[in-house]
Amino acid sequence: MHALLEKDEGDRFRRLSAVMGFLGHIRESADERELILSLIQAGAVWYDLDARGYRRELDGRFVLEAWLPGADLTHDPHELDLDQVLALDGPTHISSIIEMEQYGWQSVQGEVLLMPIVSADLVRRLLVVIGPVEGEIEATLQLVCRSAGAVLDHLAERRGRDIRDRLVRRLSASTGSFQSCVRAVVGEYLGALEAAAGRVAVTRPAQPTVTLYSTGGEGWVTEAVPALAPGAVEVSTRRIALGFAIGNGANAVIELLASPERPFTIERAQAAGVGADVLGVWLAGIALGASQLSADRVPAVPATPPFEEAMREELTKARRLSLSGGVLVASVPGSAVPDPRVLSIVIRTVRAELRSADLLGQLSSGDIAAVLVRTNADGVARAAVRVRERLDALARARQLPPVVVGHALYPAGPGESPVVLVALARKEAGLVFS
């Protein structure tokens, strides 16, 4: 008897050691399906379990995704709608024959154990085990599934970082005509998401919608751009549409279509949102240039970027009419290519301090700038303080790199220009005068 107890204790210790080693291993999973397969295989090796893996779709259904090689799937439902019975914080037991048949399990004896794998406060995957499971085994599975949820978070973060870096590199390398830049950047976005078609459009009140880019969708020509408010998102397995405010009274809509063979998943929809944030920052920089576009005319990139040209026009008008105003410049020091996530926050923060007549855009240097029209020196200084304080608070709360804010006034003299005013604002912020 003593020998049997020692053997049981040794087996339990070895299984625990295997579990701890496994938790380290799953961190290296290449994608979500590989992660779920690893869980299913581990359950078979450790406890002789015949488990299934289900993936949540964008419409809330769970679809069968993974199983052991050679498993008999005859009595397994290929789709499940379980939100009414699932718990975020623990397993769910279905033991009623009526319930099991209601959800699609036919000729099942015993019970069905549902182990949730939670990411971002949502059950993203399910590990389903048919038949009774001992309490100790269930506790181990619960630990493993909680760790798998952290891996799902890690995979989503890595995917978002990859698409962000990929788009930033493309943005940095894009040269040539306006059309070729748009085609290259948005094409990179579609390729990263494996989308079949895409469209980017800019809208302004009382003006025709301008389509900056469209490809792959036969219906784009006749199908109207959806009227999405800034921040609105429409997501389905076939279509993703995202709305943005890009400043100066303009909004943008980015649309993606999936191929029938490759419908959108929650993971790709998340990545689309990250990539769209990058494109939103870029679109804010070119929004003024987009107003010059029409369906049959796409100009070459001017020698002076559109926003800086708009600044020049505003200064010329101010000088002619003896108007005063100011320029705000927000910069991330030491960053040749600022993180789009930071730029997006900067744009939203600066925009909150602007009136409808003020201008907002991105300089060729990557800094965000605003022109406060018909404003006295005190008003410009107060706006700069408010923006600086809000950005400082956001940087502390979200652990972001610091953003410095400077301002300059106009008219400052006969020789002021966008370049001079930006340099003065950067100097006021404590940056190198350039």
Protein backbone atom coordinates (compact mmCIF):
# COMPACT_ATOMS: atom_id res chain seq x y z
CA MET A 1 0.00 0.00 0.00
CA HIS A 2 2.79 2.40 0.92
CA ALA A 3 4.51 1.68 -2.41
CA LEU A 4 1.26 2.40 -4.29
CA LEU A 5 0.84 5.71 -2.50
CA GLU A 6 4.41 6.68 -3.34
CA LYS A 7 3.83 5.74 -6.98
CA ASP A 8 0.63 7.84 -7.14
CA GLU A 9 2.44 10.76 -5.56
CA GLY A 10 5.32 10.40 -8.01
CA ASP A 11 2.92 10.27 -10.98
CA ARG A 12 1.17 13.38 -9.72
CA PHE A 13 4.46 15.22 -9.31
CA ARG A 14 5.58 14.24 -12.82
CA ARG A 15 2.29 15.43 -14.29
CA LEU A 16 2.58 18.73 -12.42
CA SER A 17 6.12 19.19 -13.71
CA ALA A 18 4.89 18.45 -17.23
CA VAL A 19 2.10 21.00 -16.84
CA MET A 20 4.50 23.72 -15.68
CA GLY A 21 6.84 23.00 -18.58
CA PHE A 22 3.89 23.03 -20.97
CA LEU A 23 2.75 26.46 -19.78
CA GLY A 24 6.14 27.83 -20.78
CA HIS A 25 5.98 26.04 -24.14
CA ILE A 26 2.58 27.37 -25.26
CA ARG A 27 3.91 30.93 -25.00
CA GLU A 28 5.80 30.18 -28.21
CA SER A 29 2.68 29.16 -30.19
CA ALA A 30 2.75 30.53 -33.73
CA ASP A 31 -0.99 31.22 -33.82
CA GLU A 32 -4.27 30.52 -32.07
CA ARG A 33 -5.00 27.22 -33.80
CA GLU A 34 -1.58 25.84 -32.90
CA LEU A 35 -2.22 26.86 -29.30
CA ILE A 36 -5.55 25.01 -29.14
CA LEU A 37 -4.07 21.92 -30.79
CA SER A 38 -1.35 21.93 -28.14
CA LEU A 39 -3.98 21.94 -25.39
CA ILE A 40 -5.90 19.08 -27.00
CA GLN A 41 -2.76 16.99 -27.44
CA ALA A 42 -1.61 17.66 -23.88
CA GLY A 43 -4.98 16.52 -22.51
CA ALA A 44 -4.68 13.29 -24.51
CA VAL A 45 -1.14 12.60 -23.30
CA TRP A 46 -1.69 13.47 -19.64
CA TYR A 47 -5.22 12.20 -19.01
CA ASP A 48 -6.32 10.29 -22.14
CA LEU A 49 -8.91 12.98 -22.91
CA ASP A 50 -10.55 13.29 -26.33
CA ALA A 51 -11.12 17.05 -26.46
CA ARG A 52 -12.29 19.47 -29.15
CA GLY A 53 -11.39 23.09 -29.77
CA TYR A 54 -13.95 25.71 -30.83
CA ARG A 55 -13.29 29.25 -32.09
CA ARG A 56 -15.61 32.22 -31.56
CA GLU A 57 -16.74 33.89 -34.77
CA LEU A 58 -17.56 37.58 -35.19
CA ASP A 59 -21.28 36.82 -34.97
CA GLY A 60 -20.84 35.15 -31.56
CA ARG A 61 -21.13 31.52 -32.71
CA PHE A 62 -18.45 28.98 -31.87
CA VAL A 63 -17.22 26.81 -34.76
CA LEU A 64 -15.29 23.56 -34.50
CA GLU A 65 -11.61 24.34 -35.12
CA ALA A 66 -9.34 21.59 -33.80
CA TRP A 67 -9.39 17.95 -32.75
CA LEU A 68 -7.09 14.96 -32.40
CA PRO A 69 -6.01 13.21 -35.61
CA GLY A 70 -8.40 10.36 -36.34
CA ALA A 71 -11.08 11.62 -33.94
CA ASP A 72 -14.66 10.60 -34.73
CA LEU A 73 -16.60 13.85 -35.23
CA THR A 74 -19.88 12.18 -36.17
CA HIS A 75 -21.68 13.24 -33.00
CA ASP A 76 -19.97 16.60 -32.53
CA PRO A 77 -21.79 19.84 -33.43
CA HIS A 78 -19.81 21.96 -35.90
CA GLU A 79 -21.37 25.17 -34.57
CA LEU A 80 -22.39 26.14 -31.04
CA ASP A 81 -24.34 29.06 -29.56
CA LEU A 82 -23.46 28.92 -25.88
CA ASP A 83 -23.27 32.48 -24.56
CA GLN A 84 -26.29 31.91 -22.30
CA VAL A 85 -24.58 29.12 -20.37
CA LEU A 86 -20.88 30.04 -20.55
CA ALA A 87 -19.07 31.50 -17.56
CA LEU A 88 -15.97 33.70 -17.87
CA ASP A 89 -14.43 32.59 -14.60
CA GLY A 90 -14.75 28.82 -14.70
CA PRO A 91 -15.92 25.65 -16.41
CA THR A 92 -19.50 24.85 -17.40
CA HIS A 93 -21.01 21.38 -17.05
CA ILE A 94 -23.82 20.22 -19.33
CA SER A 95 -25.24 16.98 -17.98
CA SER A 96 -28.86 17.02 -19.15
CA ILE A 97 -29.47 14.82 -22.21
CA ILE A 98 -32.07 17.35 -23.39
CA GLU A 99 -29.55 20.20 -23.16
CA MET A 100 -26.82 18.20 -24.88
CA GLU A 101 -29.14 17.33 -27.77
CA GLN A 102 -30.33 20.94 -27.90
CA TYR A 103 -26.76 22.12 -28.45
CA GLY A 104 -26.05 19.39 -31.00
CA TRP A 105 -24.38 16.56 -29.09
CA GLN A 106 -26.10 13.35 -30.15
CA SER A 107 -25.74 9.97 -28.42
CA VAL A 108 -23.43 11.37 -25.74
CA GLN A 109 -23.22 9.57 -22.40
CA GLY A 110 -22.39 11.36 -19.14
CA GLU A 111 -21.73 15.05 -19.50
CA VAL A 112 -20.00 17.72 -21.55
CA LEU A 113 -17.35 19.94 -19.93
CA LEU A 114 -16.83 23.42 -21.42
CA MET A 115 -13.53 25.09 -20.50
CA PRO A 116 -13.47 28.78 -21.50
CA ILE A 117 -10.32 30.46 -22.81
CA VAL A 118 -10.78 34.16 -22.16
CA SER A 119 -9.03 37.08 -23.82
CA ALA A 120 -10.00 40.75 -23.46
CA ASP A 121 -12.99 39.81 -21.26
CA LEU A 122 -14.49 37.57 -23.93
CA VAL A 123 -14.49 33.80 -24.36
CA ARG A 124 -12.46 33.50 -27.58
CA ARG A 125 -11.89 29.74 -27.59
CA LEU A 126 -13.53 26.72 -25.96
CA LEU A 127 -11.94 23.46 -24.93
CA VAL A 128 -14.74 20.85 -24.94
CA VAL A 129 -14.34 17.47 -23.23
CA ILE A 130 -16.94 14.73 -23.56
CA GLY A 131 -17.52 12.49 -20.56
CA PRO A 132 -16.90 12.83 -16.82
CA VAL A 133 -13.67 14.55 -15.71
CA GLU A 134 -12.17 14.14 -12.23
CA GLY A 135 -11.97 17.24 -10.07
CA GLU A 136 -8.17 17.33 -10.00
CA ILE A 137 -7.98 17.03 -13.78
CA GLU A 138 -10.61 19.74 -14.21
CA ALA A 139 -8.61 22.07 -11.95
CA THR A 140 -5.49 21.45 -14.03
CA LEU A 141 -7.39 22.15 -17.26
CA GLN A 142 -8.73 25.35 -15.77
CA LEU A 143 -5.19 26.51 -14.95
CA VAL A 144 -3.99 25.64 -18.46
CA CYS A 145 -6.93 27.42 -20.11
CA ARG A 146 -6.34 30.57 -18.06
CA SER A 147 -2.72 30.55 -19.16
CA ALA A 148 -3.86 29.99 -22.75
CA GLY A 149 -5.99 33.15 -22.45
CA ALA A 150 -2.84 35.11 -21.61
CA VAL A 151 -1.21 33.60 -24.69
CA LEU A 152 -4.15 34.78 -26.82
CA ASP A 153 -3.54 38.29 -25.47
CA HIS A 154 0.14 37.94 -26.35
CA LEU A 155 -0.65 36.74 -29.89
CA ALA A 156 -3.05 39.65 -30.45
CA GLU A 157 -0.46 42.13 -29.18
CA ARG A 158 2.23 40.61 -31.39
CA ARG A 159 -0.04 40.65 -34.45
CA GLY A 160 -0.94 44.29 -33.82
CA ARG A 161 2.71 45.24 -33.36
CA ASP A 162 3.66 43.44 -36.57
CA ILE A 163 1.05 45.18 -38.70
CA ARG A 164 1.86 48.55 -37.11
CA ASP A 165 5.57 48.15 -37.83
CA ARG A 166 4.86 46.91 -41.34
CA LEU A 167 2.73 49.94 -42.19
CA VAL A 168 5.15 52.39 -40.60
CA ARG A 169 7.96 50.98 -42.72
CA ARG A 170 5.81 51.28 -45.83
CA LEU A 171 4.84 54.84 -44.96
CA SER A 172 8.46 55.78 -44.42
CA ALA A 173 9.52 54.26 -47.74
CA SER A 174 6.65 55.56 -49.90
CA THR A 175 7.69 58.02 -52.60
CA GLY A 176 6.35 59.15 -55.96
CA SER A 177 2.93 60.41 -56.93
CA PHE A 178 0.05 60.78 -54.52
CA GLN A 179 -1.71 57.88 -56.21
CA SER A 180 1.28 55.54 -56.00
CA CYS A 181 1.78 56.34 -52.30
CA VAL A 182 -1.87 55.60 -51.49
CA ARG A 183 -1.78 52.42 -53.57
CA ALA A 184 1.39 51.19 -51.85
CA VAL A 185 0.31 51.95 -48.28
CA VAL A 186 -3.27 50.69 -48.49
CA GLY A 187 -2.14 47.71 -50.56
CA GLU A 188 0.25 46.80 -47.75
CA TYR A 189 -2.64 47.06 -45.28
CA LEU A 190 -4.86 44.76 -47.35
CA GLY A 191 -2.03 42.27 -47.81
CA ALA A 192 -1.29 42.15 -44.08
CA LEU A 193 -4.95 41.34 -43.37
CA GLU A 194 -5.37 38.97 -46.34
CA ALA A 195 -8.37 41.02 -47.45
CA ALA A 196 -9.78 40.50 -50.94
CA ALA A 197 -10.77 44.12 -51.53
CA GLY A 198 -10.53 47.53 -49.93
CA ARG A 199 -11.64 51.12 -50.23
CA VAL A 200 -10.58 54.36 -48.53
CA ALA A 201 -12.75 57.45 -48.86
CA VAL A 202 -12.73 60.99 -47.43
CA THR A 203 -15.94 62.90 -46.74
CA ARG A 204 -16.61 66.56 -45.96
CA PRO A 205 -19.93 68.26 -45.20
CA ALA A 206 -21.74 69.48 -48.33
CA GLN A 207 -18.99 68.13 -50.60
CA PRO A 208 -18.81 65.03 -52.79
CA THR A 209 -17.16 61.98 -51.27
CA VAL A 210 -13.61 61.45 -52.55
CA THR A 211 -12.43 57.86 -52.97
CA LEU A 212 -8.68 57.79 -52.40
CA TYR A 213 -8.30 54.11 -53.14
CA SER A 214 -10.37 51.11 -54.14
CA THR A 215 -9.45 47.68 -55.42
CA GLY A 216 -10.87 44.21 -55.79
CA GLY A 217 -14.53 44.97 -55.16
CA GLU A 218 -16.86 44.83 -58.15
CA GLY A 219 -19.53 46.77 -56.25
CA TRP A 220 -17.34 49.68 -55.19
CA VAL A 221 -18.26 51.75 -58.27
CA THR A 222 -22.00 51.79 -57.58
CA GLU A 223 -22.07 51.12 -53.82
CA ALA A 224 -22.13 54.27 -51.71
CA VAL A 225 -19.56 54.84 -48.98
CA PRO A 226 -21.28 54.10 -45.64
CA ALA A 227 -22.01 57.11 -43.45
CA LEU A 228 -19.89 56.07 -40.48
CA ALA A 229 -19.39 58.50 -37.61
CA PRO A 230 -15.82 58.91 -36.31
CA GLY A 231 -15.00 55.97 -34.06
CA ALA A 232 -17.81 53.81 -35.44
CA VAL A 233 -16.99 50.25 -36.50
CA GLU A 234 -19.04 47.76 -38.53
CA VAL A 235 -17.68 44.22 -38.47
CA SER A 236 -18.86 40.97 -40.00
CA THR A 237 -17.20 37.88 -41.42
CA ARG A 238 -17.51 39.46 -44.89
CA ARG A 239 -16.93 43.17 -44.30
CA ILE A 240 -15.08 45.53 -41.97
CA ALA A 241 -15.71 49.29 -42.04
CA LEU A 242 -14.11 51.87 -39.73
CA GLY A 243 -14.82 55.60 -39.41
CA PHE A 244 -12.29 58.30 -38.47
CA ALA A 245 -12.16 62.02 -37.90
CA ILE A 246 -9.06 63.28 -39.68
CA GLY A 247 -9.30 66.97 -38.89
CA ASN A 248 -10.24 70.15 -40.72
CA GLY A 249 -13.87 69.05 -40.96
CA ALA A 250 -13.06 65.83 -42.80
CA ASN A 251 -13.88 62.22 -41.95
CA ALA A 252 -12.47 59.04 -43.46
CA VAL A 253 -13.95 55.58 -43.97
CA ILE A 254 -11.80 52.48 -44.46
CA GLU A 255 -13.59 49.39 -45.80
CA LEU A 256 -12.34 45.85 -46.25
CA LEU A 257 -13.96 42.84 -47.93
CA ALA A 258 -13.05 39.23 -47.22
CA SER A 259 -12.95 36.48 -49.80
CA PRO A 260 -15.60 33.73 -49.46
CA GLU A 261 -12.82 31.24 -48.74
CA ARG A 262 -11.19 33.42 -46.06
CA PRO A 263 -13.85 35.16 -43.95
CA PHE A 264 -12.75 37.66 -41.34
CA THR A 265 -12.11 36.40 -37.81
CA ILE A 266 -12.01 38.22 -34.50
CA GLU A 267 -8.21 38.18 -34.64
CA ARG A 268 -8.05 39.75 -38.11
CA ALA A 269 -10.68 42.31 -37.12
CA GLN A 270 -8.52 43.31 -34.15
CA ALA A 271 -5.48 43.64 -36.42
CA ALA A 272 -7.57 45.70 -38.87
CA GLY A 273 -8.32 48.16 -36.07
CA VAL A 274 -4.64 48.53 -35.17
CA GLY A 275 -3.66 49.05 -38.80
CA ALA A 276 -6.51 51.50 -39.34
CA ASP A 277 -5.18 53.61 -36.45
CA VAL A 278 -1.91 53.94 -38.35
CA LEU A 279 -3.74 54.84 -41.56
CA GLY A 280 -5.91 57.31 -39.65
CA VAL A 281 -2.81 59.23 -38.53
CA TRP A 282 -1.50 59.21 -42.09
CA LEU A 283 -4.86 60.31 -43.51
CA ALA A 284 -4.95 63.23 -41.08
CA GLY A 285 -1.69 64.37 -42.63
CA ILE A 286 -3.00 64.20 -46.20
CA ALA A 287 -6.61 65.25 -45.58
CA LEU A 288 -6.11 68.68 -47.06
CA GLY A 289 -4.55 67.20 -50.14
CA ALA A 290 -7.54 64.89 -50.52
CA SER A 291 -9.81 67.90 -50.97
CA GLN A 292 -8.04 68.54 -54.26
CA LEU A 293 -8.85 65.07 -55.59
CA SER A 294 -11.67 64.04 -57.88
CA ALA A 295 -12.62 60.70 -59.31
CA ASP A 296 -10.81 61.42 -62.57
CA ARG A 297 -7.89 63.49 -61.38
CA VAL A 298 -5.14 62.54 -58.95
CA PRO A 299 -2.38 65.15 -58.66
CA ALA A 300 1.27 64.45 -58.07
CA VAL A 301 2.60 65.11 -54.58
CA PRO A 302 3.35 68.84 -54.43
CA ALA A 303 6.80 70.12 -53.49
CA THR A 304 5.27 71.45 -50.27
CA PRO A 305 3.11 68.97 -48.31
CA PRO A 306 -0.62 69.93 -48.39
CA PHE A 307 -0.87 70.87 -44.73
CA GLU A 308 2.19 73.09 -44.87
CA GLU A 309 0.81 74.70 -48.03
CA ALA A 310 -2.45 75.38 -46.16
CA MET A 311 -0.43 76.96 -43.34
CA ARG A 312 1.33 79.17 -45.88
CA GLU A 313 -2.01 80.30 -47.34
CA GLU A 314 -3.37 81.08 -43.87
CA LEU A 315 -0.30 83.17 -43.00
CA THR A 316 -0.57 85.07 -46.27
CA LYS A 317 -4.22 85.85 -45.56
CA ALA A 318 -3.43 86.85 -41.97
CA ARG A 319 -0.70 89.21 -43.13
CA ARG A 320 -2.99 90.75 -45.75
CA LEU A 321 -5.88 91.26 -43.31
CA SER A 322 -3.73 92.04 -40.23
CA LEU A 323 -5.03 88.99 -38.36
CA SER A 324 -3.28 87.33 -35.43
CA GLY A 325 -3.03 83.67 -34.51
CA GLY A 326 -0.63 80.94 -33.50
CA VAL A 327 0.89 77.60 -34.33
CA LEU A 328 1.07 74.60 -31.97
CA VAL A 329 3.59 71.84 -32.61
CA ALA A 330 3.52 68.51 -30.74
CA SER A 331 6.61 66.32 -31.12
CA VAL A 332 7.96 63.02 -29.78
CA PRO A 333 11.65 63.77 -29.11
CA GLY A 334 14.25 61.31 -30.36
CA SER A 335 11.81 59.42 -32.59
CA ALA A 336 12.56 59.51 -36.30
CA VAL A 337 9.32 57.59 -37.02
CA PRO A 338 6.87 58.27 -34.15
CA ASP A 339 4.71 55.40 -32.97
CA PRO A 340 1.33 55.74 -34.76
CA ARG A 341 -0.43 54.89 -31.49
CA VAL A 342 1.18 57.95 -29.87
CA LEU A 343 0.47 60.15 -32.90
CA SER A 344 -3.18 59.09 -32.82
CA ILE A 345 -3.44 60.16 -29.16
CA VAL A 346 -1.69 63.45 -29.95
CA ILE A 347 -4.08 64.18 -32.82
CA ARG A 348 -7.17 63.49 -30.69
CA THR A 349 -5.81 65.62 -27.83
CA VAL A 350 -4.91 68.59 -30.01
CA ARG A 351 -8.17 68.35 -31.96
CA ALA A 352 -10.15 68.65 -28.71
CA GLU A 353 -8.70 72.15 -28.23
CA LEU A 354 -9.48 73.36 -31.76
CA ARG A 355 -12.40 75.22 -33.25
CA SER A 356 -13.92 74.27 -36.58
CA ALA A 357 -11.99 77.05 -38.37
CA ASP A 358 -8.59 75.93 -37.03
CA LEU A 359 -6.30 73.70 -39.08
CA LEU A 360 -4.80 70.39 -37.97
CA GLY A 361 -2.37 68.14 -39.81
CA GLN A 362 0.95 66.34 -39.87
CA LEU A 363 4.18 67.99 -40.96
CA SER A 364 6.68 66.36 -43.28
CA SER A 365 8.87 65.83 -40.18
CA GLY A 366 6.17 63.63 -38.64
CA ASP A 367 5.23 66.19 -35.95
CA ILE A 368 1.60 67.15 -35.43
CA ALA A 369 0.80 70.84 -35.89
CA ALA A 370 -2.25 73.07 -35.58
CA VAL A 371 -2.94 76.60 -36.77
CA LEU A 372 -5.13 78.58 -34.38
CA VAL A 373 -6.66 81.29 -36.54
CA ARG A 374 -7.82 84.72 -35.36
CA THR A 375 -6.56 84.13 -31.82
CA ASN A 376 -4.58 86.48 -29.57
CA ALA A 377 -1.34 85.60 -27.82
CA ASP A 378 -3.07 84.75 -24.55
CA GLY A 379 -5.47 82.34 -26.26
CA VAL A 380 -2.64 80.56 -28.06
CA ALA A 381 -0.61 80.22 -24.85
CA ARG A 382 -3.59 78.86 -22.91
CA ALA A 383 -4.32 76.28 -25.61
CA ALA A 384 -0.68 75.16 -25.56
CA VAL A 385 -0.79 74.71 -21.78
CA ARG A 386 -4.00 72.68 -21.92
CA VAL A 387 -2.65 70.39 -24.65
CA ARG A 388 0.65 69.94 -22.82
CA GLU A 389 -1.06 69.08 -19.53
CA ARG A 390 -3.43 66.58 -21.15
CA LEU A 391 -0.62 64.86 -23.04
CA ASP A 392 1.53 64.69 -19.90
CA ALA A 393 -1.33 63.06 -18.00
CA LEU A 394 -1.97 60.56 -20.81
CA ALA A 395 1.73 59.71 -21.06
CA ARG A 396 1.84 58.90 -17.33
CA ALA A 397 -1.43 56.95 -17.32
CA ARG A 398 -0.65 54.85 -20.41
CA GLN A 399 3.14 54.66 -20.06
CA LEU A 400 3.70 56.44 -23.37
CA PRO A 401 6.82 58.32 -24.43
CA PRO A 402 6.74 62.01 -23.50
CA VAL A 403 5.33 64.47 -26.02
CA VAL A 404 6.59 68.06 -26.00
CA VAL A 405 4.40 70.95 -27.10
CA GLY A 406 5.54 74.37 -28.25
CA HIS A 407 3.83 77.37 -29.79
CA ALA A 408 4.64 80.42 -31.86
CA LEU A 409 2.63 83.53 -32.75
CA TYR A 410 1.90 85.25 -36.03
CA PRO A 411 2.29 87.70 -37.51
CA ALA A 412 5.81 87.82 -36.07
CA GLY A 413 7.37 89.79 -38.88
CA PRO A 414 7.60 90.03 -42.65
CA GLY A 415 9.62 86.85 -43.05
CA GLU A 416 7.47 84.36 -41.13
CA SER A 417 6.65 81.17 -43.00
CA PRO A 418 5.47 77.71 -41.97
CA VAL A 419 9.10 76.61 -41.65
CA VAL A 420 10.03 79.59 -39.47
CA LEU A 421 6.94 79.30 -37.26
CA VAL A 422 7.42 75.57 -36.76
CA ALA A 423 11.06 76.16 -35.85
CA LEU A 424 10.05 78.84 -33.33
CA ALA A 425 7.45 76.53 -31.80
CA ARG A 426 9.99 73.71 -31.55
CA LYS A 427 12.47 76.07 -29.91
CA GLU A 428 9.83 77.20 -27.40
CA ALA A 429 9.24 73.52 -26.58
CA GLY A 430 12.94 73.08 -25.82
CA LEU A 431 13.76 71.16 -29.00
CA VAL A 432 16.72 71.84 -31.27
CA PHE A 433 16.09 74.93 -33.40
CA SER A 434 15.87 73.70 -36.99
